[in-house]
Amino acid sequence: MSKRAVIYARTSTVDQHPQNQVHDLEQLAQQRGLEIIRVYQDQVSGTRTRRPGLDQLMTDARKGRFEVVLVWACDRLARSVTHFLQVLDELGHLNIEFISFREQIDTGGPLGRAIVVIISAIAELERNLIVERVKSGMRRAKLEGRRIGRPAVSIDREALRRDRESGLSFSELAHLHRVSKTTVIRALHQPASAGTKGSCRRRCNSLNPRTRIPSIEAVQKEYILDYQEEINPL
């Protein structure tokens, strides 16, 4: 009984024709005795995260609807080496073979699996080199006396407290002072005479109860999202 196979073809623009890829892959499937049950196509740039054709292919793969995936080239399938390895890893766990026409990669054989291992090692080496370069740049910046990280947020806490006591909400305060909602909550919980450090509980206990600041647990939850909110200021 022949194995069930699918074809994935992708072109970057509507002017290109995926049928050229499909024709070569159909011939390859015929030579190997594979039964083509479906062709998935995308006409989007390879850098796009969302690709309907590839997403549907992976969904059907998880349902066990085929045993082999055929692509014309590796760069047609994935947008990066990391993404390529992630797709291959998931297909491998699902016992689905991957065949690339141009690179002659077939994970159903020992040579194809060895090539994937080599690609994985190169990708890991690249990641490690990037980390080392970043660390080296940070060390040099520290020696040169440059600040590393985001600049400190400058905010008038007294004005913030006055506005809060006048009845403004946290969102309104954030919009008025052009900072994130998390920064507003943190500033209100910090005593005017204290520095930027200190426990949340000590800051909460020193506040005027009229400010109606939420519980410590609520603030801690806000702190977890601090970075994500502050990189998108209002």
Protein backbone atom coordinates (compact mmCIF):
# COMPACT_ATOMS: atom_id res chain seq x y z
CA MET A 1 0.00 0.00 0.00
CA SER A 2 1.44 3.37 -1.04
CA LYS A 3 1.97 6.08 1.53
CA ARG A 4 -0.34 9.08 1.61
CA ALA A 5 1.54 12.25 0.74
CA VAL A 6 0.77 15.95 0.52
CA ILE A 7 2.45 18.76 -1.35
CA TYR A 8 3.18 22.20 0.07
CA ALA A 9 3.91 24.93 -2.48
CA ARG A 10 4.53 28.59 -1.71
CA THR A 11 5.18 31.63 -3.87
CA SER A 12 6.00 35.10 -2.61
CA THR A 13 3.81 37.04 -5.06
CA VAL A 14 0.67 36.41 -7.07
CA ASP A 15 2.73 36.82 -10.26
CA GLN A 16 4.59 33.58 -9.54
CA HIS A 17 3.01 30.23 -10.29
CA PRO A 18 3.07 27.46 -7.64
CA GLN A 19 2.09 24.97 -10.33
CA ASN A 20 5.75 24.79 -11.38
CA GLN A 21 6.63 23.42 -7.95
CA VAL A 22 3.63 21.11 -7.91
CA HIS A 23 4.57 19.58 -11.28
CA ASP A 24 8.08 18.61 -10.10
CA LEU A 25 6.75 17.21 -6.83
CA GLU A 26 4.05 15.16 -8.54
CA GLN A 27 6.72 13.55 -10.69
CA LEU A 28 8.83 12.86 -7.59
CA ALA A 29 5.85 11.29 -5.84
CA GLN A 30 5.18 9.08 -8.86
CA GLN A 31 8.79 7.88 -8.90
CA ARG A 32 8.60 6.95 -5.22
CA GLY A 33 5.18 5.37 -5.39
CA LEU A 34 3.49 7.96 -3.17
CA GLU A 35 -0.20 8.81 -3.37
CA ILE A 36 -0.85 12.57 -3.47
CA ILE A 37 -4.04 13.27 -1.52
CA ARG A 38 -3.87 17.06 -1.26
CA VAL A 39 -1.91 20.13 -2.33
CA TYR A 40 -1.52 23.03 0.11
CA GLN A 41 -0.62 26.43 -1.36
CA ASP A 42 0.32 29.86 -0.04
CA GLN A 43 0.99 33.07 -1.94
CA VAL A 44 2.64 35.12 0.78
CA SER A 45 6.13 36.20 1.74
CA GLY A 46 8.21 33.61 3.58
CA THR A 47 8.69 36.05 6.46
CA ARG A 48 4.97 36.07 7.30
CA THR A 49 4.14 34.26 10.53
CA ARG A 50 0.60 33.36 9.52
CA ARG A 51 0.25 31.21 6.40
CA PRO A 52 -3.17 29.59 5.92
CA GLY A 53 -1.88 26.76 3.75
CA LEU A 54 0.92 25.77 6.11
CA ASP A 55 -1.32 26.15 9.16
CA GLN A 56 -3.88 23.80 7.62
CA LEU A 57 -1.14 21.34 6.68
CA MET A 58 0.10 21.17 10.28
CA THR A 59 -3.49 20.80 11.54
CA ASP A 60 -4.09 17.84 9.22
CA ALA A 61 -0.71 16.38 10.18
CA ARG A 62 -1.76 16.31 13.83
CA LYS A 63 -4.90 14.44 12.77
CA GLY A 64 -2.81 11.77 11.04
CA ARG A 65 -4.19 12.32 7.55
CA PHE A 66 -0.90 11.68 5.69
CA GLU A 67 2.55 10.16 6.15
CA VAL A 68 4.76 12.25 3.84
CA VAL A 69 5.21 15.99 3.16
CA LEU A 70 6.74 17.06 -0.15
CA VAL A 71 8.18 20.54 -0.74
CA TRP A 72 10.13 21.93 -3.67
CA ALA A 73 12.73 23.59 -1.41
CA CYS A 74 13.28 24.05 2.31
CA ASP A 75 12.87 27.82 2.10
CA ARG A 76 9.38 27.29 0.66
CA LEU A 77 8.31 25.69 3.93
CA ALA A 78 9.83 27.79 6.71
CA ARG A 79 10.65 31.46 7.23
CA SER A 80 13.92 30.80 9.13
CA VAL A 81 16.22 28.00 10.23
CA THR A 82 14.60 27.99 13.66
CA HIS A 83 11.11 27.74 12.18
CA PHE A 84 12.29 25.03 9.78
CA LEU A 85 13.65 22.93 12.64
CA GLN A 86 10.47 23.44 14.67
CA VAL A 87 8.34 22.17 11.78
CA LEU A 88 10.63 19.19 11.18
CA ASP A 89 10.67 18.35 14.87
CA GLU A 90 6.87 18.30 15.04
CA LEU A 91 6.60 16.25 11.85
CA GLY A 92 9.17 13.82 13.27
CA HIS A 93 7.17 13.37 16.48
CA LEU A 94 4.11 12.65 14.32
CA ASN A 95 6.09 10.03 12.32
CA ILE A 96 5.69 12.03 9.13
CA GLU A 97 8.50 12.02 6.57
CA PHE A 98 9.75 15.22 5.01
CA ILE A 99 11.12 15.33 1.46
CA SER A 100 12.68 18.35 -0.23
CA PHE A 101 13.06 18.21 -4.02
CA ARG A 102 15.87 20.72 -4.49
CA GLU A 103 18.06 19.81 -1.49
CA GLN A 104 17.33 16.07 -1.86
CA ILE A 105 16.54 15.76 1.86
CA ASP A 106 14.49 12.75 2.92
CA THR A 107 14.01 12.30 6.67
CA GLY A 108 12.75 8.79 6.00
CA GLY A 109 16.37 7.68 5.48
CA PRO A 110 19.50 7.89 7.67
CA LEU A 111 21.23 10.47 5.44
CA GLY A 112 18.26 12.83 5.56
CA ARG A 113 18.05 12.56 9.34
CA ALA A 114 21.80 13.21 9.59
CA ILE A 115 21.44 16.37 7.50
CA VAL A 116 18.71 17.63 9.83
CA VAL A 117 21.00 17.01 12.82
CA ILE A 118 23.76 19.01 11.12
CA ILE A 119 21.37 21.88 10.39
CA SER A 120 20.26 21.84 14.03
CA ALA A 121 23.88 21.98 15.23
CA ILE A 122 24.64 24.92 12.94
CA ALA A 123 21.53 26.77 14.14
CA GLU A 124 22.50 26.20 17.78
CA LEU A 125 26.02 27.44 17.05
CA GLU A 126 24.58 30.57 15.43
CA ARG A 127 22.39 31.25 18.47
CA ASN A 128 25.37 30.83 20.82
CA LEU A 129 27.50 33.19 18.74
CA ILE A 130 24.75 35.81 18.82
CA VAL A 131 24.51 35.50 22.62
CA GLU A 132 28.27 35.88 22.98
CA ARG A 133 28.30 38.97 20.75
CA VAL A 134 25.51 40.55 22.79
CA LYS A 135 27.29 39.83 26.08
CA SER A 136 30.55 41.19 24.68
CA GLY A 137 28.83 44.39 23.58
CA MET A 138 27.23 44.82 27.02
CA ARG A 139 30.59 44.38 28.76
CA ARG A 140 32.18 46.99 26.51
CA ALA A 141 29.29 49.39 27.10
CA LYS A 142 29.68 49.03 30.88
CA LEU A 143 33.41 49.72 30.66
CA GLU A 144 32.68 52.84 28.63
CA GLY A 145 30.23 54.00 31.30
CA ARG A 146 27.15 53.75 29.14
CA ARG A 147 23.78 52.81 30.59
CA ILE A 148 22.40 49.39 29.67
CA GLY A 149 18.67 48.87 29.50
CA ARG A 150 15.67 51.14 29.25
CA PRO A 151 16.00 54.71 30.53
CA ALA A 152 14.35 55.46 33.85
CA VAL A 153 10.84 56.88 33.63
CA SER A 154 10.63 60.43 34.95
CA ILE A 155 7.33 61.16 36.69
CA ASP A 156 6.10 63.74 39.19
CA ARG A 157 4.74 61.54 41.99
CA GLU A 158 3.24 64.44 43.94
CA ALA A 159 1.26 65.60 40.92
CA LEU A 160 0.27 62.02 40.29
CA ARG A 161 -1.06 61.63 43.83
CA ARG A 162 -2.99 64.90 43.61
CA ASP A 163 -4.58 63.80 40.35
CA ARG A 164 -5.45 60.43 41.85
CA GLU A 165 -7.08 62.02 44.91
CA SER A 166 -9.10 64.23 42.59
CA GLY A 167 -10.80 61.07 41.31
CA LEU A 168 -8.93 60.19 38.11
CA SER A 169 -8.68 56.49 37.22
CA PHE A 170 -5.38 54.69 36.62
CA SER A 171 -5.99 54.71 32.86
CA GLU A 172 -6.73 58.43 32.89
CA LEU A 173 -3.59 59.09 34.93
CA ALA A 174 -1.52 57.05 32.51
CA HIS A 175 -2.86 59.02 29.56
CA LEU A 176 -2.41 62.37 31.32
CA HIS A 177 1.21 61.71 32.38
CA ARG A 178 2.10 59.78 29.20
CA VAL A 179 3.27 56.62 30.95
CA SER A 180 1.91 53.09 31.25
CA LYS A 181 -0.80 52.10 33.71
CA THR A 182 1.70 49.84 35.51
CA THR A 183 4.08 52.78 36.03
CA VAL A 184 1.23 54.80 37.55
CA ILE A 185 0.36 52.05 40.04
CA ARG A 186 4.01 51.52 40.97
CA ALA A 187 4.61 55.25 41.49
CA LEU A 188 1.54 55.59 43.69
CA HIS A 189 2.67 52.70 45.86
CA GLN A 190 6.09 54.25 46.34
CA PRO A 191 6.47 56.75 49.22
CA ALA A 192 7.63 60.18 48.13
CA SER A 193 10.71 59.98 50.38
CA ALA A 194 11.74 56.47 49.28
CA GLY A 195 13.90 55.40 46.39
CA THR A 196 12.86 53.22 43.52
CA LYS A 197 13.46 50.02 45.46
CA GLY A 198 11.54 48.46 48.34
CA SER A 199 8.95 45.84 49.00
CA CYS A 200 5.47 46.25 47.61
CA ARG A 201 3.92 45.66 51.04
CA ARG A 202 5.91 48.48 52.68
CA ARG A 203 4.93 50.90 49.95
CA CYS A 204 1.27 49.91 50.17
CA ASN A 205 1.11 50.42 53.93
CA SER A 206 2.39 54.00 53.69
CA LEU A 207 -0.38 55.25 51.43
CA ASN A 208 -3.32 57.46 52.18
CA PRO A 209 -6.40 55.17 52.15
CA ARG A 210 -8.32 57.80 50.18
CA THR A 211 -6.25 56.95 47.09
CA ARG A 212 -8.20 53.69 46.79
CA ILE A 213 -5.24 51.71 45.42
CA PRO A 214 -5.91 48.00 44.68
CA SER A 215 -4.68 45.07 46.76
CA ILE A 216 -1.09 43.92 46.85
CA GLU A 217 -2.02 40.81 44.90
CA ALA A 218 -3.50 42.92 42.12
CA VAL A 219 -0.39 45.08 41.96
CA GLN A 220 1.88 42.03 41.85
CA LYS A 221 -0.14 40.77 38.92
CA GLU A 222 0.33 44.13 37.21
CA TYR A 223 4.08 44.00 37.86
CA ILE A 224 4.33 40.73 35.93
CA LEU A 225 3.12 42.55 32.82
CA ASP A 226 5.32 45.59 33.48
CA TYR A 227 7.77 45.04 30.68
CA GLN A 228 5.17 44.28 28.02
CA GLU A 229 3.15 47.38 28.87
CA GLU A 230 6.08 49.77 29.13
CA ILE A 231 7.45 48.90 25.71
CA ASN A 232 4.09 50.08 24.33
CA PRO A 233 3.54 53.44 26.08
CA LEU A 234 0.32 55.32 25.59
